[in-house]
C-alpha atoms as a PDB file:
ATOM      1  CA  UNK A   1      71.969  99.500  68.467  1.00  0.00           C
ATOM      2  CA  UNK A   2      70.882  97.705  65.303  1.00  0.00           C
ATOM      3  CA  UNK A   3      69.022  99.386  62.578  1.00  0.00           C
ATOM      4  CA  UNK A   4      65.928  97.655  61.148  1.00  0.00           C
ATOM      5  CA  UNK A   5      65.463  99.620  58.298  1.00  0.00           C
ATOM      6  CA  UNK A   6      67.717 101.589  55.780  1.00  0.00           C
ATOM      7  CA  UNK A   7      67.625 104.648  53.602  1.00  0.00           C
ATOM      8  CA  UNK A   8      70.965 105.903  52.245  1.00  0.00           C
ATOM      9  CA  UNK A   9      72.019 109.285  51.526  1.00  0.00           C
ATOM     10  CA  UNK A  10      74.932 110.843  49.751  1.00  0.00           C
ATOM     11  CA  UNK A  11      76.907 113.965  50.634  1.00  0.00           C
ATOM     12  CA  UNK A  12      77.330 116.002  47.655  1.00  0.00           C
ATOM     13  CA  UNK A  13      79.964 118.284  48.871  1.00  0.00           C
ATOM     14  CA  UNK A  14      82.367 118.715  51.997  1.00  0.00           C
ATOM     15  CA  UNK A  15      80.847 120.187  55.293  1.00  0.00           C
ATOM     16  CA  UNK A  16      82.125 120.317  58.786  1.00  0.00           C
ATOM     17  CA  UNK A  17      80.689 117.219  60.354  1.00  0.00           C
ATOM     18  CA  UNK A  18      82.850 117.100  63.652  1.00  0.00           C
ATOM     19  CA  UNK A  19      80.906 115.574  66.516  1.00  0.00           C
ATOM     20  CA  UNK A  20      81.290 118.737  68.637  1.00  0.00           C
ATOM     21  CA  UNK A  21      79.943 120.978  65.844  1.00  0.00           C
ATOM     22  CA  UNK A  22      76.987 118.991  65.515  1.00  0.00           C
ATOM     23  CA  UNK A  23      76.370 118.808  69.091  1.00  0.00           C
ATOM     24  CA  UNK A  24      76.489 122.658  69.343  1.00  0.00           C
ATOM     25  CA  UNK A  25      74.243 123.180  66.482  1.00  0.00           C
ATOM     26  CA  UNK A  26      71.478 120.500  67.278  1.00  0.00           C
ATOM     27  CA  UNK A  27      71.434 121.514  70.833  1.00  0.00           C
ATOM     28  CA  UNK A  28      69.402 124.609  69.743  1.00  0.00           C
ATOM     29  CA  UNK A  29      66.851 122.262  68.669  1.00  0.00           C
ATOM     30  CA  UNK A  30      66.225 119.763  71.406  1.00  0.00           C
ATOM     31  CA  UNK A  31      63.195 117.289  71.805  1.00  0.00           C
ATOM     32  CA  UNK A  32      60.450 118.479  74.121  1.00  0.00           C
ATOM     33  CA  UNK A  33      57.141 117.576  75.185  1.00  0.00           C
ATOM     34  CA  UNK A  34      53.978 119.023  73.549  1.00  0.00           C
ATOM     35  CA  UNK A  35      52.284 121.841  75.459  1.00  0.00           C
ATOM     36  CA  UNK A  36      48.613 121.399  76.074  1.00  0.00           C
ATOM     37  CA  UNK A  37      47.558 123.108  72.755  1.00  0.00           C
ATOM     38  CA  UNK A  38      50.205 121.831  70.589  1.00  0.00           C
ATOM     39  CA  UNK A  39      49.472 118.831  68.203  1.00  0.00           C
ATOM     40  CA  UNK A  40      53.273 117.921  67.975  1.00  0.00           C
ATOM     41  CA  UNK A  41      56.853 118.580  68.436  1.00  0.00           C
ATOM     42  CA  UNK A  42      59.973 117.652  66.881  1.00  0.00           C
ATOM     43  CA  UNK A  43      63.691 117.547  67.981  1.00  0.00           C
ATOM     44  CA  UNK A  44      67.075 116.182  68.688  1.00  0.00           C
ATOM     45  CA  UNK A  45      66.973 113.562  71.621  1.00  0.00           C
ATOM     46  CA  UNK A  46      69.832 111.659  73.085  1.00  0.00           C
ATOM     47  CA  UNK A  47      70.607 108.519  71.096  1.00  0.00           C
ATOM     48  CA  UNK A  48      71.941 106.876  74.355  1.00  0.00           C
ATOM     49  CA  UNK A  49      71.207 107.767  77.857  1.00  0.00           C
ATOM     50  CA  UNK A  50      68.443 110.050  79.450  1.00  0.00           C
ATOM     51  CA  UNK A  51      68.081 113.553  81.000  1.00  0.00           C
ATOM     52  CA  UNK A  52      68.792 116.935  79.941  1.00  0.00           C
ATOM     53  CA  UNK A  53      72.438 116.541  80.235  1.00  0.00           C
ATOM     54  CA  UNK A  54      72.791 113.378  78.005  1.00  0.00           C
ATOM     55  CA  UNK A  55      74.812 114.092  74.726  1.00  0.00           C
ATOM     56  CA  UNK A  56      72.683 114.509  71.619  1.00  0.00           C
ATOM     57  CA  UNK A  57      75.615 113.010  69.733  1.00  0.00           C
ATOM     58  CA  UNK A  58      77.250 109.715  70.145  1.00  0.00           C
ATOM     59  CA  UNK A  59      80.428 109.441  68.159  1.00  0.00           C
ATOM     60  CA  UNK A  60      82.790 106.674  67.912  1.00  0.00           C
ATOM     61  CA  UNK A  61      85.524 105.455  65.562  1.00  0.00           C
ATOM     62  CA  UNK A  62      84.602 108.218  63.189  1.00  0.00           C
ATOM     63  CA  UNK A  63      81.078 107.513  63.028  1.00  0.00           C
ATOM     64  CA  UNK A  64      78.098 109.619  64.378  1.00  0.00           C
ATOM     65  CA  UNK A  65      74.640 108.712  65.622  1.00  0.00           C
ATOM     66  CA  UNK A  66      71.953 110.918  66.148  1.00  0.00           C
ATOM     67  CA  UNK A  67      68.216 110.424  66.998  1.00  0.00           C
ATOM     68  CA  UNK A  68      64.911 112.630  66.381  1.00  0.00           C
ATOM     69  CA  UNK A  69      62.002 112.289  68.623  1.00  0.00           C
ATOM     70  CA  UNK A  70      58.469 113.268  67.291  1.00  0.00           C
ATOM     71  CA  UNK A  71      55.802 113.639  70.189  1.00  0.00           C
ATOM     72  CA  UNK A  72      52.465 114.106  69.127  1.00  0.00           C
ATOM     73  CA  UNK A  73      48.714 114.107  70.165  1.00  0.00           C
ATOM     74  CA  UNK A  74      46.445 111.599  68.949  1.00  0.00           C
ATOM     75  CA  UNK A  75      43.143 113.083  68.347  1.00  0.00           C
ATOM     76  CA  UNK A  76      41.007 110.896  66.042  1.00  0.00           C
ATOM     77  CA  UNK A  77      39.098 112.527  63.121  1.00  0.00           C
ATOM     78  CA  UNK A  78      35.928 110.402  64.058  1.00  0.00           C
ATOM     79  CA  UNK A  79      36.029 112.072  67.583  1.00  0.00           C
ATOM     80  CA  UNK A  80      36.316 115.395  66.239  1.00  0.00           C
ATOM     81  CA  UNK A  81      33.571 114.586  63.466  1.00  0.00           C
ATOM     82  CA  UNK A  82      31.087 113.274  66.113  1.00  0.00           C
ATOM     83  CA  UNK A  83      31.400 116.300  68.533  1.00  0.00           C
ATOM     84  CA  UNK A  84      31.120 118.603  65.485  1.00  0.00           C
ATOM     85  CA  UNK A  85      28.049 117.003  64.281  1.00  0.00           C
ATOM     86  CA  UNK A  86      26.419 117.155  67.853  1.00  0.00           C
ATOM     87  CA  UNK A  87      27.356 120.840  68.163  1.00  0.00           C
ATOM     88  CA  UNK A  88      25.880 121.714  64.733  1.00  0.00           C
ATOM     89  CA  UNK A  89      22.595 119.946  65.056  1.00  0.00           C
ATOM     90  CA  UNK A  90      22.092 121.587  68.756  1.00  0.00           C
ATOM     91  CA  UNK A  91      22.727 125.116  67.163  1.00  0.00           C
ATOM     92  CA  UNK A  92      20.500 124.409  63.885  1.00  0.00           C
ATOM     93  CA  UNK A  93      17.765 122.968  66.582  1.00  0.00           C
ATOM     94  CA  UNK A  94      18.156 125.842  69.167  1.00  0.00           C
ATOM     95  CA  UNK A  95      18.466 128.751  66.627  1.00  0.00           C
ATOM     96  CA  UNK A  96      16.530 127.397  63.787  1.00  0.00           C
ATOM     97  CA  UNK A  97      18.921 128.330  61.224  1.00  0.00           C
ATOM     98  CA  UNK A  98      21.650 126.684  58.960  1.00  0.00           C
ATOM     99  CA  UNK A  99      25.111 126.323  60.134  1.00  0.00           C
ATOM    100  CA  UNK A 100      27.388 127.023  56.985  1.00  0.00           C
ATOM    101  CA  UNK A 101      30.966 126.316  56.076  1.00  0.00           C
ATOM    102  CA  UNK A 102      32.667 129.132  57.886  1.00  0.00           C
ATOM    103  CA  UNK A 103      30.911 128.598  61.035  1.00  0.00           C
ATOM    104  CA  UNK A 104      31.415 125.085  61.030  1.00  0.00           C
ATOM    105  CA  UNK A 105      35.098 125.529  60.581  1.00  0.00           C
ATOM    106  CA  UNK A 106      35.337 127.699  63.617  1.00  0.00           C
ATOM    107  CA  UNK A 107      33.321 125.263  65.581  1.00  0.00           C
ATOM    108  CA  UNK A 108      35.740 122.527  64.450  1.00  0.00           C
ATOM    109  CA  UNK A 109      38.698 124.632  65.488  1.00  0.00           C
ATOM    110  CA  UNK A 110      37.202 125.209  69.048  1.00  0.00           C
ATOM    111  CA  UNK A 111      36.443 121.519  69.439  1.00  0.00           C
ATOM    112  CA  UNK A 112      40.145 120.336  68.797  1.00  0.00           C
ATOM    113  CA  UNK A 113      41.516 123.121  70.947  1.00  0.00           C
ATOM    114  CA  UNK A 114      38.984 121.996  73.823  1.00  0.00           C
ATOM    115  CA  UNK A 115      40.107 118.343  73.136  1.00  0.00           C
ATOM    116  CA  UNK A 116      43.908 118.751  72.668  1.00  0.00           C
ATOM    117  CA  UNK A 117      44.760 118.822  76.301  1.00  0.00           C
ATOM    118  CA  UNK A 118      42.966 115.327  76.860  1.00  0.00           C
ATOM    119  CA  UNK A 119      44.342 113.562  73.898  1.00  0.00           C
ATOM    120  CA  UNK A 120      46.810 110.545  74.164  1.00  0.00           C
ATOM    121  CA  UNK A 121      50.434 111.563  73.407  1.00  0.00           C
ATOM    122  CA  UNK A 122      52.636 109.049  71.221  1.00  0.00           C
ATOM    123  CA  UNK A 123      56.140 109.211  70.896  1.00  0.00           C
ATOM    124  CA  UNK A 124      58.353 107.978  68.036  1.00  0.00           C
ATOM    125  CA  UNK A 125      62.019 108.122  67.473  1.00  0.00           C
ATOM    126  CA  UNK A 126      64.188 108.125  64.390  1.00  0.00           C
ATOM    127  CA  UNK A 127      68.037 107.279  64.317  1.00  0.00           C
ATOM    128  CA  UNK A 128      70.524 108.579  61.624  1.00  0.00           C
ATOM    129  CA  UNK A 129      74.255 107.653  61.424  1.00  0.00           C
ATOM    130  CA  UNK A 130      76.751 109.518  59.620  1.00  0.00           C
ATOM    131  CA  UNK A 131      79.772 108.061  57.989  1.00  0.00           C
ATOM    132  CA  UNK A 132      81.728 111.317  57.053  1.00  0.00           C
ATOM    133  CA  UNK A 133      84.939 109.454  55.705  1.00  0.00           C
ATOM    134  CA  UNK A 134      82.613 107.731  52.908  1.00  0.00           C
ATOM    135  CA  UNK A 135      80.208 110.429  52.474  1.00  0.00           C
ATOM    136  CA  UNK A 136      76.906 108.834  53.674  1.00  0.00           C
ATOM    137  CA  UNK A 137      74.296 109.342  56.049  1.00  0.00           C
ATOM    138  CA  UNK A 138      72.132 106.373  57.048  1.00  0.00           C
ATOM    139  CA  UNK A 139      68.646 106.491  58.544  1.00  0.00           C
ATOM    140  CA  UNK A 140      66.668 103.874  60.122  1.00  0.00           C
ATOM    141  CA  UNK A 141      63.646 104.013  58.274  1.00  0.00           C
ATOM    142  CA  UNK A 142      61.896 102.832  55.129  1.00  0.00           C
ATOM    143  CA  UNK A 143      59.933 106.061  54.806  1.00  0.00           C
ATOM    144  CA  UNK A 144      61.403 108.849  52.743  1.00  0.00           C
ATOM    145  CA  UNK A 145      58.988 111.093  54.688  1.00  0.00           C
ATOM    146  CA  UNK A 146      60.570 110.362  58.117  1.00  0.00           C
ATOM    147  CA  UNK A 147      63.800 110.478  56.844  1.00  0.00           C
ATOM    148  CA  UNK A 148      63.437 113.780  55.119  1.00  0.00           C
ATOM    149  CA  UNK A 149      61.959 115.161  58.539  1.00  0.00           C
ATOM    150  CA  UNK A 150      65.394 114.260  60.213  1.00  0.00           C
ATOM    151  CA  UNK A 151      67.496 115.402  57.548  1.00  0.00           C
ATOM    152  CA  UNK A 152      65.645 118.714  57.352  1.00  0.00           C
ATOM    153  CA  UNK A 153      65.916 119.389  61.129  1.00  0.00           C
ATOM    154  CA  UNK A 154      69.531 118.958  60.994  1.00  0.00           C
ATOM    155  CA  UNK A 155      69.728 121.258  57.948  1.00  0.00           C
ATOM    156  CA  UNK A 156      68.093 123.653  59.923  1.00  0.00           C
ATOM    157  CA  UNK A 157      70.294 123.304  62.728  1.00  0.00           C
ATOM    158  CA  UNK A 158      73.685 123.093  60.334  1.00  0.00           C
ATOM    159  CA  UNK A 159      72.476 125.848  58.074  1.00  0.00           C
ATOM    160  CA  UNK A 160      73.363 123.493  55.310  1.00  0.00           C
ATOM    161  CA  UNK A 161      73.457 119.863  54.460  1.00  0.00           C
ATOM    162  CA  UNK A 162      74.040 118.957  51.055  1.00  0.00           C
ATOM    163  CA  UNK A 163      72.780 115.413  50.836  1.00  0.00           C
ATOM    164  CA  UNK A 164      70.726 113.407  48.105  1.00  0.00           C
ATOM    165  CA  UNK A 165      69.223 110.084  48.231  1.00  0.00           C
ATOM    166  CA  UNK A 166      71.635 107.304  46.802  1.00  0.00           C
ATOM    167  CA  UNK A 167      70.443 106.080  43.469  1.00  0.00           C
ATOM    168  CA  UNK A 168      71.487 103.308  40.958  1.00  0.00           C
ATOM    169  CA  UNK A 169      71.932 103.414  37.277  1.00  0.00           C
ATOM    170  CA  UNK A 170      69.688 100.373  36.575  1.00  0.00           C
ATOM    171  CA  UNK A 171      66.095 100.174  38.410  1.00  0.00           C
ATOM    172  CA  UNK A 172      66.014  97.692  41.057  1.00  0.00           C
ATOM    173  CA  UNK A 173      63.034  95.892  39.926  1.00  0.00           C
ATOM    174  CA  UNK A 174      65.007  95.279  36.665  1.00  0.00           C
ATOM    175  CA  UNK A 175      68.195  93.832  38.459  1.00  0.00           C
ATOM    176  CA  UNK A 176      66.104  91.943  41.028  1.00  0.00           C
ATOM    177  CA  UNK A 177      63.806  90.453  38.145  1.00  0.00           C
ATOM    178  CA  UNK A 178      67.083  89.415  36.149  1.00  0.00           C
ATOM    179  CA  UNK A 179      68.442  87.586  39.362  1.00  0.00           C
ATOM    180  CA  UNK A 180      65.207  85.457  39.720  1.00  0.00           C
ATOM    181  CA  UNK A 181      65.091  84.888  35.910  1.00  0.00           C
ATOM    182  CA  UNK A 182      68.593  83.596  36.072  1.00  0.00           C
ATOM    183  CA  UNK A 183      68.383  81.935  39.400  1.00  0.00           C
ATOM    184  CA  UNK A 184      71.339  83.759  40.883  1.00  0.00           C
ATOM    185  CA  UNK A 185      71.942  86.915  42.692  1.00  0.00           C
ATOM    186  CA  UNK A 186      75.197  89.103  42.537  1.00  0.00           C
ATOM    187  CA  UNK A 187      78.071  87.837  44.068  1.00  0.00           C
ATOM    188  CA  UNK A 188      77.811  87.913  47.916  1.00  0.00           C
ATOM    189  CA  UNK A 189      74.132  88.148  47.721  1.00  0.00           C
ATOM    190  CA  UNK A 190      71.313  85.348  47.760  1.00  0.00           C
ATOM    191  CA  UNK A 191      67.608  85.379  47.207  1.00  0.00           C
ATOM    192  CA  UNK A 192      65.469  84.045  49.988  1.00  0.00           C
ATOM    193  CA  UNK A 193      61.822  82.879  50.021  1.00  0.00           C
ATOM    194  CA  UNK A 194      59.840  86.187  50.057  1.00  0.00           C
ATOM    195  CA  UNK A 195      59.075  88.439  46.940  1.00  0.00           C
ATOM    196  CA  UNK A 196      56.424  90.506  45.487  1.00  0.00           C
ATOM    197  CA  UNK A 197      55.968  90.370  41.706  1.00  0.00           C
ATOM    198  CA  UNK A 198      53.850  93.008  39.543  1.00  0.00           C
ATOM    199  CA  UNK A 199      52.474  93.413  36.339  1.00  0.00           C
ATOM    200  CA  UNK A 200      53.857  96.285  34.562  1.00  0.00           C
ATOM    201  CA  UNK A 201      50.489  97.330  33.264  1.00  0.00           C
ATOM    202  CA  UNK A 202      48.794  99.891  35.187  1.00  0.00           C
ATOM    203  CA  UNK A 203      45.887  97.718  35.967  1.00  0.00           C
ATOM    204  CA  UNK A 204      48.010  94.386  36.090  1.00  0.00           C
ATOM    205  CA  UNK A 205      48.029  91.876  38.663  1.00  0.00           C
ATOM    206  CA  UNK A 206      50.484  91.489  41.777  1.00  0.00           C
ATOM    207  CA  UNK A 207      51.598  88.099  43.288  1.00  0.00           C
ATOM    208  CA  UNK A 208      53.046  87.962  47.102  1.00  0.00           C
ATOM    209  CA  UNK A 209      55.112  84.795  47.426  1.00  0.00           C
ATOM    210  CA  UNK A 210      56.000  84.014  50.860  1.00  0.00           C
ATOM    211  CA  UNK A 211      58.236  81.169  52.240  1.00  0.00           C
ATOM    212  CA  UNK A 212      58.225  80.140  48.456  1.00  0.00           C
ATOM    213  CA  UNK A 213      61.318  78.808  46.470  1.00  0.00           C
ATOM    214  CA  UNK A 214      62.353  81.400  44.065  1.00  0.00           C
ATOM    215  CA  UNK A 215      63.503  78.936  41.574  1.00  0.00           C
ATOM    216  CA  UNK A 216      60.267  77.069  41.415  1.00  0.00           C
ATOM    217  CA  UNK A 217      58.350  76.855  38.015  1.00  0.00           C
ATOM    218  CA  UNK A 218      55.802  78.915  39.412  1.00  0.00           C
ATOM    219  CA  UNK A 219      57.859  82.065  40.161  1.00  0.00           C
ATOM    220  CA  UNK A 220      59.487  81.350  36.590  1.00  0.00           C
ATOM    221  CA  UNK A 221      56.019  81.341  35.078  1.00  0.00           C
ATOM    222  CA  UNK A 222      55.025  84.646  36.485  1.00  0.00           C
ATOM    223  CA  UNK A 223      58.494  85.734  35.214  1.00  0.00           C
ATOM    224  CA  UNK A 224      57.825  84.643  31.743  1.00  0.00           C
ATOM    225  CA  UNK A 225      54.458  86.220  31.503  1.00  0.00           C
ATOM    226  CA  UNK A 226      56.311  89.874  32.298  1.00  0.00           C
ATOM    227  CA  UNK A 227      55.810  90.283  35.786  1.00  0.00           C
ATOM    228  CA  UNK A 228      58.818  92.367  37.491  1.00  0.00           C
ATOM    229  CA  UNK A 229      60.031  91.766  40.970  1.00  0.00           C
ATOM    230  CA  UNK A 230      58.958  94.851  43.051  1.00  0.00           C
ATOM    231  CA  UNK A 231      60.290  93.440  46.274  1.00  0.00           C
ATOM    232  CA  UNK A 232      62.660  90.774  47.096  1.00  0.00           C
ATOM    233  CA  UNK A 233      64.101  89.166  50.561  1.00  0.00           C
ATOM    234  CA  UNK A 234      67.760  88.803  50.612  1.00  0.00           C
ATOM    235  CA  UNK A 235      70.787  87.760  52.546  1.00  0.00           C
ATOM    236  CA  UNK A 236      74.407  89.265  52.019  1.00  0.00           C
ATOM    237  CA  UNK A 237      77.235  86.935  53.017  1.00  0.00           C
ATOM    238  CA  UNK A 238      76.574  85.615  56.344  1.00  0.00           C
ATOM    239  CA  UNK A 239      76.187  88.739  58.005  1.00  0.00           C
ATOM    240  CA  UNK A 240      72.655  90.177  57.400  1.00  0.00           C
ATOM    241  CA  UNK A 241      69.327  89.666  55.708  1.00  0.00           C
ATOM    242  CA  UNK A 242      66.574  92.194  54.570  1.00  0.00           C
ATOM    243  CA  UNK A 243      64.036  92.958  52.066  1.00  0.00           C
ATOM    244  CA  UNK A 244      64.649  95.540  49.186  1.00  0.00           C
ATOM    245  CA  UNK A 245      61.941  97.208  46.921  1.00  0.00           C
ATOM    246  CA  UNK A 246      62.086  99.045  43.713  1.00  0.00           C
ATOM    247  CA  UNK A 247      62.534 102.310  45.422  1.00  0.00           C
ATOM    248  CA  UNK A 248      65.677 101.259  46.874  1.00  0.00           C
ATOM    249  CA  UNK A 249      64.346 100.899  50.424  1.00  0.00           C
ATOM    250  CA  UNK A 250      65.624  98.491  52.728  1.00  0.00           C
ATOM    251  CA  UNK A 251      62.894  97.060  55.355  1.00  0.00           C
ATOM    252  CA  UNK A 252      63.313  94.003  57.789  1.00  0.00           C
ATOM    253  CA  UNK A 253      67.139  94.496  58.192  1.00  0.00           C
ATOM    254  CA  UNK A 254      68.547  91.649  60.331  1.00  0.00           C
ATOM    255  CA  UNK A 255      72.004  91.468  61.576  1.00  0.00           C
ATOM    256  CA  UNK A 256      72.998  87.700  61.925  1.00  0.00           C
ATOM    257  CA  UNK A 257      73.654  86.375  65.331  1.00  0.00           C
ATOM    258  CA  UNK A 258      77.325  86.116  64.922  1.00  0.00           C
ATOM    259  CA  UNK A 259      77.698  89.871  64.349  1.00  0.00           C
ATOM    260  CA  UNK A 260      75.612  90.388  67.641  1.00  0.00           C
ATOM    261  CA  UNK A 261      77.475  87.960  69.769  1.00  0.00           C
ATOM    262  CA  UNK A 262      80.738  89.608  68.513  1.00  0.00           C
ATOM    263  CA  UNK A 263      79.364  92.820  69.850  1.00  0.00           C
ATOM    264  CA  UNK A 264      78.372  91.423  73.223  1.00  0.00           C
ATOM    265  CA  UNK A 265      81.745  90.032  73.554  1.00  0.00           C
ATOM    266  CA  UNK A 266      83.452  93.281  72.610  1.00  0.00           C
ATOM    267  CA  UNK A 267      81.159  95.276  74.564  1.00  0.00           C
ATOM    268  CA  UNK A 268      82.024  94.403  78.104  1.00  0.00           C
ATOM    269  CA  UNK A 269      79.696  94.325  81.215  1.00  0.00           C
ATOM    270  CA  UNK A 270      78.272  98.190  81.086  1.00  0.00           C
ATOM    271  CA  UNK A 271      75.403  99.071  79.007  1.00  0.00           C
ATOM    272  CA  UNK A 272      77.175 102.164  77.432  1.00  0.00           C
ATOM    273  CA  UNK A 273      79.968  99.741  76.250  1.00  0.00           C
ATOM    274  CA  UNK A 274      77.639  97.413  74.663  1.00  0.00           C
ATOM    275  CA  UNK A 275      75.733 100.294  72.896  1.00  0.00           C
ATOM    276  CA  UNK A 276      78.773 101.500  71.650  1.00  0.00           C
ATOM    277  CA  UNK A 277      80.318  98.011  70.387  1.00  0.00           C
ATOM    278  CA  UNK A 278      77.016  97.178  68.488  1.00  0.00           C
ATOM    279  CA  UNK A 279      76.901 100.485  67.002  1.00  0.00           C
ATOM    280  CA  UNK A 280      80.490 100.508  65.540  1.00  0.00           C
ATOM    281  CA  UNK A 281      80.108  97.057  64.481  1.00  0.00           C
ATOM    282  CA  UNK A 282      77.016  97.747  62.885  1.00  0.00           C
ATOM    283  CA  UNK A 283      78.600 100.620  61.030  1.00  0.00           C
ATOM    284  CA  UNK A 284      81.457  99.008  60.044  1.00  0.00           C
ATOM    285  CA  UNK A 285      79.377  96.106  58.493  1.00  0.00           C
ATOM    286  CA  UNK A 286      77.173  98.843  56.497  1.00  0.00           C
ATOM    287  CA  UNK A 287      80.240 100.350  55.073  1.00  0.00           C
ATOM    288  CA  UNK A 288      81.046  97.384  53.331  1.00  0.00           C
ATOM    289  CA  UNK A 289      77.393  96.439  52.642  1.00  0.00           C
ATOM    290  CA  UNK A 290      76.249  99.646  51.210  1.00  0.00           C
ATOM    291  CA  UNK A 291      78.806  99.771  48.310  1.00  0.00           C
ATOM    292  CA  UNK A 292      78.256  96.145  47.647  1.00  0.00           C
ATOM    293  CA  UNK A 293      74.625  96.620  47.149  1.00  0.00           C
ATOM    294  CA  UNK A 294      74.967  99.513  44.986  1.00  0.00           C
ATOM    295  CA  UNK A 295      77.282  97.675  42.751  1.00  0.00           C
ATOM    296  CA  UNK A 296      75.363  94.535  42.592  1.00  0.00           C
ATOM    297  CA  UNK A 297      72.441  97.006  41.550  1.00  0.00           C
ATOM    298  CA  UNK A 298      74.561  98.406  38.597  1.00  0.00           C
ATOM    299  CA  UNK A 299      76.360 101.148  40.170  1.00  0.00           C
ATOM    300  CA  UNK A 300      75.713 104.373  41.652  1.00  0.00           C
ATOM    301  CA  UNK A 301      74.231 107.192  39.527  1.00  0.00           C
ATOM    302  CA  UNK A 302      75.511 110.706  39.951  1.00  0.00           C
ATOM    303  CA  UNK A 303      73.014 113.242  38.680  1.00  0.00           C
ATOM    304  CA  UNK A 304      74.359 115.751  36.185  1.00  0.00           C
ATOM    305  CA  UNK A 305      76.186 118.732  38.029  1.00  0.00           C
ATOM    306  CA  UNK A 306      77.281 116.932  41.110  1.00  0.00           C
END
């Protein structure tokens, strides 16, 4: 269990987050398959294990892991458009009349309902970890929309979920740009070889640097010309690497082999032990990493009134 992306949320007030409380609440919204006439379903799934009796909460060392699963039927728009076009042409030819919008919309609905039971099904799972002691929810995604889907489902079950996205006092773009200009990141962090630099003008250019030396004259020239760093690959200590963008979204999160080897050694021989060891070690690492990153970016911003 190692997250590959990261969005961090801060609790704004205390809430009962005992594992048994969460388990009882989210059991009312279990993930389930789509019926033949449903586009999608969304609910909580067991983060480890399978079957209807598998717990929906994995709790260990004060950390809680949850998973939401979305199941959706894939019905390409082009298939519906082609079928609708064929149906409209047939009606207009057979009945010698024009098919107008209201009738088109009804025909489209009929086609969708007819095709849905035969549509392919796709499943996707989003994980989230709660560190109640530090007041954090960490979601394994770089998509705010997917994170909000999970948080909304949890809020619906609990009745309340007072969280907000973590934000910083200085824009990440300004901080990352300064790091590359002075050719030194904050203590504990190191710039790697991938970055995106963009002009501040609305119609300005954009440079994607891959496997480039961030201290090179070429990179420095772009920075001197006014380009800002909107995405940067970084390493933190000897524990993990990641890509940070100007919206404080973390992608391509990778925990170093040393941590993974330690988790494997701690987990024993069974699969559940291995899962739990990697989850706990990941959370202990993130408990250190998230505050360090926030401090490096100028400190956490707390909105007025919170």
